[in-house]
Amino acid sequence: MRPSQCVVAATGLKAEASIAERSEGVIAVAGGGNEARLGSLLDAEISEGVEGLVSFGIAGALRPGLVPGSCVVGVAVIGEGRWYPANEAWSDRLINSIPGAARGAVVGISKPVSSVQDKAAMYDTWGAVAVDMESHIVARLAQNHSLPFAVLRVIADTASQRLPPAAVNGLKADGTPDLAAVLKSLASQPTQLPDLIRTALATRRAMSGLLRCHRLLGAGLGFGFVDLR
């Protein structure tokens, strides 16, 4: 049964959505790295009535020094040529609830950033802490519907870590792993195996970090249903 009050968590991976929905008052959708799909899923939930939106999941680091498992609270989103400030009270609650969380702007883009050089260029341009593929969609829809939004991300790949092709392309539309695509990519480029193993280990640490955040934040992923609307 749908809660009478709820926030919607926008994720890329089905596993991220499963973690988010462990929190009372949270409904999660997984876009699978597809902007149009994520937008449609969020629009459908918004039409049913929601209190706020949160971009939730793993991310790539842009700021040097952030390691896999580091939590990031996005106080603003840079995407689609715009700057979207996140809800200040919700962001502050996230920061105060998660010891050691970094705060700063997050970049939202439509494709993964796989190269170290591209990450460095984005950091030099915007000074943002992290990059993901959902936050700009959340920010735009929140603004269009006058809803508060927040960004809670955990670092998987560091600023100095390259993402191999198998990791970039190994996802189905529903946000679940595409093992066949991963194996096909490995067969064509077997030298990427060490990078793929490093990526898998970093992602595991990041998912553990998401679970930690979920436990620390409680209902609504820190939304605070009484005072944010």
C-alpha atoms as a PDB file:
ATOM      1  CA  MET A   1       0.000   0.000   0.000  1.00  0.00           C
ATOM      2  CA  ARG A   2       1.303   3.467  -0.900  1.00  0.00           C
ATOM      3  CA  PRO A   3       2.105   5.615   2.169  1.00  0.00           C
ATOM      4  CA  SER A   4      -0.085   8.662   2.704  1.00  0.00           C
ATOM      5  CA  GLN A   5       3.135  10.697   2.930  1.00  0.00           C
ATOM      6  CA  CYS A   6       6.175   9.639   0.959  1.00  0.00           C
ATOM      7  CA  VAL A   7       9.313  10.756  -0.792  1.00  0.00           C
ATOM      8  CA  VAL A   8      10.545   9.210  -4.014  1.00  0.00           C
ATOM      9  CA  ALA A   9      14.150   8.073  -4.366  1.00  0.00           C
ATOM     10  CA  ALA A  10      15.565   8.190  -7.887  1.00  0.00           C
ATOM     11  CA  THR A  11      18.266   5.597  -8.512  1.00  0.00           C
ATOM     12  CA  GLY A  12      20.086   4.050 -11.437  1.00  0.00           C
ATOM     13  CA  LEU A  13      20.415   0.521 -10.066  1.00  0.00           C
ATOM     14  CA  LYS A  14      17.725  -1.820  -8.805  1.00  0.00           C
ATOM     15  CA  ALA A  15      19.985  -2.654  -5.847  1.00  0.00           C
ATOM     16  CA  GLU A  16      20.094   1.041  -4.869  1.00  0.00           C
ATOM     17  CA  ALA A  17      16.309   1.244  -5.048  1.00  0.00           C
ATOM     18  CA  SER A  18      15.987  -1.805  -2.797  1.00  0.00           C
ATOM     19  CA  ILE A  19      18.122  -0.116  -0.135  1.00  0.00           C
ATOM     20  CA  ALA A  20      16.197   3.162  -0.341  1.00  0.00           C
ATOM     21  CA  GLU A  21      12.850   1.418   0.079  1.00  0.00           C
ATOM     22  CA  ARG A  22      13.954  -0.092   3.384  1.00  0.00           C
ATOM     23  CA  SER A  23      13.276   3.347   4.859  1.00  0.00           C
ATOM     24  CA  GLU A  24       9.715   4.025   5.957  1.00  0.00           C
ATOM     25  CA  GLY A  25       7.908   6.466   3.700  1.00  0.00           C
ATOM     26  CA  VAL A  26      10.202   5.948   0.699  1.00  0.00           C
ATOM     27  CA  ILE A  27       9.212   4.764  -2.754  1.00  0.00           C
ATOM     28  CA  ALA A  28      12.141   4.130  -5.110  1.00  0.00           C
ATOM     29  CA  VAL A  29      12.460   3.920  -8.882  1.00  0.00           C
ATOM     30  CA  ALA A  30      15.436   2.672 -10.919  1.00  0.00           C
ATOM     31  CA  GLY A  31      16.107   4.332 -14.253  1.00  0.00           C
ATOM     32  CA  GLY A  32      18.809   1.945 -15.435  1.00  0.00           C
ATOM     33  CA  GLY A  33      20.917   4.834 -16.727  1.00  0.00           C
ATOM     34  CA  ASN A  34      18.183   5.984 -19.118  1.00  0.00           C
ATOM     35  CA  GLU A  35      17.070   9.615 -18.676  1.00  0.00           C
ATOM     36  CA  ALA A  36      13.727   9.204 -20.439  1.00  0.00           C
ATOM     37  CA  ARG A  37      12.840   6.090 -18.438  1.00  0.00           C
ATOM     38  CA  LEU A  38      13.746   7.725 -15.131  1.00  0.00           C
ATOM     39  CA  GLY A  39      11.789  10.861 -16.003  1.00  0.00           C
ATOM     40  CA  SER A  40       8.704   8.822 -16.858  1.00  0.00           C
ATOM     41  CA  LEU A  41       8.918   6.783 -13.664  1.00  0.00           C
ATOM     42  CA  LEU A  42       9.276   9.915 -11.545  1.00  0.00           C
ATOM     43  CA  ASP A  43       6.430  11.690 -13.347  1.00  0.00           C
ATOM     44  CA  ALA A  44       4.156   8.730 -12.623  1.00  0.00           C
ATOM     45  CA  GLU A  45       4.992   8.819  -8.913  1.00  0.00           C
ATOM     46  CA  ILE A  46       4.657  12.605  -8.688  1.00  0.00           C
ATOM     47  CA  SER A  47       1.186  12.379 -10.227  1.00  0.00           C
ATOM     48  CA  GLU A  48       0.145  10.160  -7.302  1.00  0.00           C
ATOM     49  CA  GLY A  49       1.312  12.759  -4.786  1.00  0.00           C
ATOM     50  CA  VAL A  50       4.744  12.977  -3.133  1.00  0.00           C
ATOM     51  CA  GLU A  51       6.360  15.203  -0.518  1.00  0.00           C
ATOM     52  CA  GLY A  52       9.830  15.385  -2.048  1.00  0.00           C
ATOM     53  CA  LEU A  53      12.427  13.766  -4.299  1.00  0.00           C
ATOM     54  CA  VAL A  54      15.877  12.432  -3.434  1.00  0.00           C
ATOM     55  CA  SER A  55      18.676  11.365  -5.766  1.00  0.00           C
ATOM     56  CA  PHE A  56      20.043   8.269  -4.046  1.00  0.00           C
ATOM     57  CA  GLY A  57      22.806   5.861  -5.000  1.00  0.00           C
ATOM     58  CA  ILE A  58      26.451   5.518  -5.906  1.00  0.00           C
ATOM     59  CA  ALA A  59      28.467   8.114  -7.803  1.00  0.00           C
ATOM     60  CA  GLY A  60      31.828   8.854  -9.310  1.00  0.00           C
ATOM     61  CA  ALA A  61      34.163  11.151  -7.410  1.00  0.00           C
ATOM     62  CA  LEU A  62      35.364  14.386  -8.981  1.00  0.00           C
ATOM     63  CA  ARG A  63      37.056  15.811  -5.909  1.00  0.00           C
ATOM     64  CA  PRO A  64      40.439  14.165  -5.262  1.00  0.00           C
ATOM     65  CA  GLY A  65      40.703  12.383  -1.936  1.00  0.00           C
ATOM     66  CA  LEU A  66      37.221  10.891  -1.831  1.00  0.00           C
ATOM     67  CA  VAL A  67      37.468   7.107  -1.511  1.00  0.00           C
ATOM     68  CA  PRO A  68      34.968   4.321  -2.215  1.00  0.00           C
ATOM     69  CA  GLY A  69      32.348   4.407   0.516  1.00  0.00           C
ATOM     70  CA  SER A  70      32.616   8.174   1.113  1.00  0.00           C
ATOM     71  CA  CYS A  71      29.206   9.776   1.532  1.00  0.00           C
ATOM     72  CA  VAL A  72      28.373  12.925  -0.414  1.00  0.00           C
ATOM     73  CA  VAL A  73      25.483  15.320   0.211  1.00  0.00           C
ATOM     74  CA  GLY A  74      24.757  17.435  -2.841  1.00  0.00           C
ATOM     75  CA  VAL A  75      23.814  20.965  -1.799  1.00  0.00           C
ATOM     76  CA  ALA A  76      23.237  21.826  -5.458  1.00  0.00           C
ATOM     77  CA  VAL A  77      23.028  20.070  -8.817  1.00  0.00           C
ATOM     78  CA  ILE A  78      24.769  21.237 -11.964  1.00  0.00           C
ATOM     79  CA  GLY A  79      23.042  19.849 -15.023  1.00  0.00           C
ATOM     80  CA  GLU A  80      21.459  20.715 -18.341  1.00  0.00           C
ATOM     81  CA  GLY A  81      23.241  24.067 -18.259  1.00  0.00           C
ATOM     82  CA  ARG A  82      21.644  25.077 -14.968  1.00  0.00           C
ATOM     83  CA  TRP A  83      22.376  25.298 -11.245  1.00  0.00           C
ATOM     84  CA  TYR A  84      19.674  23.783  -9.004  1.00  0.00           C
ATOM     85  CA  PRO A  85      19.982  24.417  -5.244  1.00  0.00           C
ATOM     86  CA  ALA A  86      18.853  21.483  -3.095  1.00  0.00           C
ATOM     87  CA  ASN A  87      16.513  21.959  -0.146  1.00  0.00           C
ATOM     88  CA  GLU A  88      18.688  23.500   2.568  1.00  0.00           C
ATOM     89  CA  ALA A  89      16.925  22.026   5.611  1.00  0.00           C
ATOM     90  CA  TRP A  90      16.893  18.507   4.154  1.00  0.00           C
ATOM     91  CA  SER A  91      20.544  18.774   3.103  1.00  0.00           C
ATOM     92  CA  ASP A  92      21.533  19.998   6.568  1.00  0.00           C
ATOM     93  CA  ARG A  93      19.732  17.086   8.152  1.00  0.00           C
ATOM     94  CA  LEU A  94      21.647  14.653   5.944  1.00  0.00           C
ATOM     95  CA  ILE A  95      24.970  16.297   6.815  1.00  0.00           C
ATOM     96  CA  ASN A  96      24.226  16.267  10.540  1.00  0.00           C
ATOM     97  CA  SER A  97      23.069  12.642  10.498  1.00  0.00           C
ATOM     98  CA  ILE A  98      25.974  11.117   8.571  1.00  0.00           C
ATOM     99  CA  PRO A  99      29.381  11.541  10.240  1.00  0.00           C
ATOM    100  CA  GLY A 100      32.129  12.446   7.801  1.00  0.00           C
ATOM    101  CA  ALA A 101      29.845  13.224   4.872  1.00  0.00           C
ATOM    102  CA  ALA A 102      31.265  15.603   2.271  1.00  0.00           C
ATOM    103  CA  ARG A 103      29.063  18.393   0.952  1.00  0.00           C
ATOM    104  CA  GLY A 104      29.177  20.297  -2.317  1.00  0.00           C
ATOM    105  CA  ALA A 105      27.693  20.498  -5.776  1.00  0.00           C
ATOM    106  CA  VAL A 106      27.006  17.333  -7.779  1.00  0.00           C
ATOM    107  CA  VAL A 107      27.067  17.161 -11.568  1.00  0.00           C
ATOM    108  CA  GLY A 108      24.267  15.301 -13.330  1.00  0.00           C
ATOM    109  CA  ILE A 109      24.957  13.952 -16.830  1.00  0.00           C
ATOM    110  CA  SER A 110      23.420  11.530 -19.297  1.00  0.00           C
ATOM    111  CA  LYS A 111      26.424   9.224 -19.807  1.00  0.00           C
ATOM    112  CA  PRO A 112      29.005   7.716 -17.442  1.00  0.00           C
ATOM    113  CA  VAL A 113      32.303   9.545 -17.010  1.00  0.00           C
ATOM    114  CA  SER A 114      34.841   6.791 -17.539  1.00  0.00           C
ATOM    115  CA  SER A 115      38.172   8.566 -17.998  1.00  0.00           C
ATOM    116  CA  VAL A 116      40.337  10.159 -15.323  1.00  0.00           C
ATOM    117  CA  GLN A 117      41.006  13.107 -17.646  1.00  0.00           C
ATOM    118  CA  ASP A 118      37.288  13.846 -18.060  1.00  0.00           C
ATOM    119  CA  LYS A 119      36.759  13.719 -14.294  1.00  0.00           C
ATOM    120  CA  ALA A 120      39.635  16.148 -13.760  1.00  0.00           C
ATOM    121  CA  ALA A 121      38.266  18.529 -16.385  1.00  0.00           C
ATOM    122  CA  MET A 122      34.828  18.522 -14.747  1.00  0.00           C
ATOM    123  CA  TYR A 123      36.352  19.213 -11.344  1.00  0.00           C
ATOM    124  CA  ASP A 124      38.441  22.069 -12.729  1.00  0.00           C
ATOM    125  CA  THR A 125      35.371  23.559 -14.431  1.00  0.00           C
ATOM    126  CA  TRP A 126      32.809  23.316 -11.627  1.00  0.00           C
ATOM    127  CA  GLY A 127      34.588  22.315  -8.432  1.00  0.00           C
ATOM    128  CA  ALA A 128      31.870  19.716  -7.878  1.00  0.00           C
ATOM    129  CA  VAL A 129      32.427  16.783  -5.542  1.00  0.00           C
ATOM    130  CA  ALA A 130      30.817  14.007  -7.574  1.00  0.00           C
ATOM    131  CA  VAL A 131      28.975  13.058 -10.756  1.00  0.00           C
ATOM    132  CA  ASP A 132      25.991  10.772 -11.372  1.00  0.00           C
ATOM    133  CA  MET A 133      23.300  10.118 -13.969  1.00  0.00           C
ATOM    134  CA  GLU A 134      20.130  10.859 -11.992  1.00  0.00           C
ATOM    135  CA  SER A 135      20.508  14.055  -9.975  1.00  0.00           C
ATOM    136  CA  HIS A 136      19.826  16.478 -12.848  1.00  0.00           C
ATOM    137  CA  ILE A 137      16.540  14.708 -13.624  1.00  0.00           C
ATOM    138  CA  VAL A 138      15.514  14.882  -9.968  1.00  0.00           C
ATOM    139  CA  ALA A 139      16.446  18.564  -9.733  1.00  0.00           C
ATOM    140  CA  ARG A 140      14.568  19.556 -12.878  1.00  0.00           C
ATOM    141  CA  LEU A 141      11.370  17.712 -11.971  1.00  0.00           C
ATOM    142  CA  ALA A 142      11.486  18.990  -8.399  1.00  0.00           C
ATOM    143  CA  GLN A 143      11.705  22.540  -9.678  1.00  0.00           C
ATOM    144  CA  ASN A 144       8.927  21.977 -12.236  1.00  0.00           C
ATOM    145  CA  HIS A 145       6.596  20.621  -9.554  1.00  0.00           C
ATOM    146  CA  SER A 146       7.691  22.923  -6.692  1.00  0.00           C
ATOM    147  CA  LEU A 147       8.953  20.004  -4.625  1.00  0.00           C
ATOM    148  CA  PRO A 148      11.927  19.945  -2.233  1.00  0.00           C
ATOM    149  CA  PHE A 149      14.786  17.703  -3.295  1.00  0.00           C
ATOM    150  CA  ALA A 150      18.009  16.339  -1.841  1.00  0.00           C
ATOM    151  CA  VAL A 151      21.017  14.460  -3.157  1.00  0.00           C
ATOM    152  CA  LEU A 152      22.597  11.608  -1.196  1.00  0.00           C
ATOM    153  CA  ARG A 153      25.366   9.717  -2.970  1.00  0.00           C
ATOM    154  CA  VAL A 154      28.163   7.353  -1.992  1.00  0.00           C
ATOM    155  CA  ILE A 155      31.404   7.256  -3.945  1.00  0.00           C
ATOM    156  CA  ALA A 156      32.198   4.131  -5.960  1.00  0.00           C
ATOM    157  CA  ASP A 157      34.941   5.074  -8.434  1.00  0.00           C
ATOM    158  CA  THR A 158      37.489   7.665  -7.294  1.00  0.00           C
ATOM    159  CA  ALA A 159      38.687  10.696  -9.233  1.00  0.00           C
ATOM    160  CA  SER A 160      41.812   8.761 -10.210  1.00  0.00           C
ATOM    161  CA  GLN A 161      40.013   5.540 -11.183  1.00  0.00           C
ATOM    162  CA  ARG A 162      39.159   4.645 -14.773  1.00  0.00           C
ATOM    163  CA  LEU A 163      35.875   2.868 -15.490  1.00  0.00           C
ATOM    164  CA  PRO A 164      36.304  -0.054 -17.921  1.00  0.00           C
ATOM    165  CA  PRO A 165      33.858  -0.519 -20.825  1.00  0.00           C
ATOM    166  CA  ALA A 166      32.363  -3.647 -19.263  1.00  0.00           C
ATOM    167  CA  ALA A 167      31.300  -1.647 -16.206  1.00  0.00           C
ATOM    168  CA  VAL A 168      29.927   1.231 -18.259  1.00  0.00           C
ATOM    169  CA  ASN A 169      27.791  -0.985 -20.509  1.00  0.00           C
ATOM    170  CA  GLY A 170      26.864  -3.775 -18.117  1.00  0.00           C
ATOM    171  CA  LEU A 171      23.381  -2.622 -17.094  1.00  0.00           C
ATOM    172  CA  LYS A 172      19.892  -3.610 -18.223  1.00  0.00           C
ATOM    173  CA  ALA A 173      17.072  -1.113 -18.671  1.00  0.00           C
ATOM    174  CA  ASP A 174      15.506  -2.079 -15.337  1.00  0.00           C
ATOM    175  CA  GLY A 175      18.703  -1.315 -13.416  1.00  0.00           C
ATOM    176  CA  THR A 176      19.872  -4.913 -12.961  1.00  0.00           C
ATOM    177  CA  PRO A 177      23.299  -6.193 -14.072  1.00  0.00           C
ATOM    178  CA  ASP A 178      23.625  -7.378 -17.674  1.00  0.00           C
ATOM    179  CA  LEU A 179      26.008 -10.306 -17.274  1.00  0.00           C
ATOM    180  CA  ALA A 180      25.893 -11.188 -20.968  1.00  0.00           C
ATOM    181  CA  ALA A 181      27.004  -7.669 -21.933  1.00  0.00           C
ATOM    182  CA  VAL A 182      29.822  -7.773 -19.366  1.00  0.00           C
ATOM    183  CA  LEU A 183      31.110 -11.106 -20.656  1.00  0.00           C
ATOM    184  CA  LYS A 184      30.882  -9.949 -24.273  1.00  0.00           C
ATOM    185  CA  SER A 185      32.877  -6.820 -23.445  1.00  0.00           C
ATOM    186  CA  LEU A 186      35.490  -8.864 -21.576  1.00  0.00           C
ATOM    187  CA  ALA A 187      35.823 -11.282 -24.476  1.00  0.00           C
ATOM    188  CA  SER A 188      36.537  -8.411 -26.862  1.00  0.00           C
ATOM    189  CA  GLN A 189      38.869  -6.554 -24.441  1.00  0.00           C
ATOM    190  CA  PRO A 190      40.298  -9.014 -21.893  1.00  0.00           C
ATOM    191  CA  THR A 191      42.903  -6.498 -20.697  1.00  0.00           C
ATOM    192  CA  GLN A 192      40.175  -4.565 -18.862  1.00  0.00           C
ATOM    193  CA  LEU A 193      39.747  -7.375 -16.320  1.00  0.00           C
ATOM    194  CA  PRO A 194      41.943  -5.793 -13.585  1.00  0.00           C
ATOM    195  CA  ASP A 195      40.042  -2.487 -13.878  1.00  0.00           C
ATOM    196  CA  LEU A 196      36.744  -4.365 -13.787  1.00  0.00           C
ATOM    197  CA  ILE A 197      37.732  -6.192 -10.595  1.00  0.00           C
ATOM    198  CA  ARG A 198      38.761  -2.907  -8.952  1.00  0.00           C
ATOM    199  CA  THR A 199      35.462  -1.366 -10.010  1.00  0.00           C
ATOM    200  CA  ALA A 200      33.476  -4.275  -8.595  1.00  0.00           C
ATOM    201  CA  LEU A 201      35.256  -4.075  -5.241  1.00  0.00           C
ATOM    202  CA  ALA A 202      34.766  -0.303  -5.079  1.00  0.00           C
ATOM    203  CA  THR A 203      31.081  -0.684  -5.917  1.00  0.00           C
ATOM    204  CA  ARG A 204      30.679  -3.206  -3.115  1.00  0.00           C
ATOM    205  CA  ARG A 205      32.136  -0.708  -0.645  1.00  0.00           C
ATOM    206  CA  ALA A 206      29.834   1.992  -1.989  1.00  0.00           C
ATOM    207  CA  MET A 207      26.748  -0.185  -1.577  1.00  0.00           C
ATOM    208  CA  SER A 208      27.780  -0.893   2.013  1.00  0.00           C
ATOM    209  CA  GLY A 209      28.002   2.872   2.473  1.00  0.00           C
ATOM    210  CA  LEU A 210      24.466   3.294   1.172  1.00  0.00           C
ATOM    211  CA  LEU A 211      23.225   0.761   3.703  1.00  0.00           C
ATOM    212  CA  ARG A 212      24.980   2.723   6.450  1.00  0.00           C
ATOM    213  CA  CYS A 213      23.276   5.935   5.324  1.00  0.00           C
ATOM    214  CA  HIS A 214      19.885   4.246   5.269  1.00  0.00           C
ATOM    215  CA  ARG A 215      20.350   3.081   8.860  1.00  0.00           C
ATOM    216  CA  LEU A 216      21.461   6.524  10.054  1.00  0.00           C
ATOM    217  CA  LEU A 217      18.666   8.499   8.386  1.00  0.00           C
ATOM    218  CA  GLY A 218      15.540   6.549   9.231  1.00  0.00           C
ATOM    219  CA  ALA A 219      12.100   7.406   7.848  1.00  0.00           C
ATOM    220  CA  GLY A 220      11.966   9.333   4.597  1.00  0.00           C
ATOM    221  CA  LEU A 221      15.757   9.215   4.246  1.00  0.00           C
ATOM    222  CA  GLY A 222      15.985  12.221   6.540  1.00  0.00           C
ATOM    223  CA  PHE A 223      13.165  14.164   4.901  1.00  0.00           C
ATOM    224  CA  GLY A 224      11.256  15.319   7.972  1.00  0.00           C
ATOM    225  CA  PHE A 225       7.656  15.177   6.803  1.00  0.00           C
ATOM    226  CA  VAL A 226       6.430  17.906   9.190  1.00  0.00           C
ATOM    227  CA  ASP A 227       8.748  20.816   8.519  1.00  0.00           C
ATOM    228  CA  LEU A 228       9.964  20.738   4.907  1.00  0.00           C
ATOM    229  CA  ARG A 229       6.778  21.584   2.994  1.00  0.00           C
END
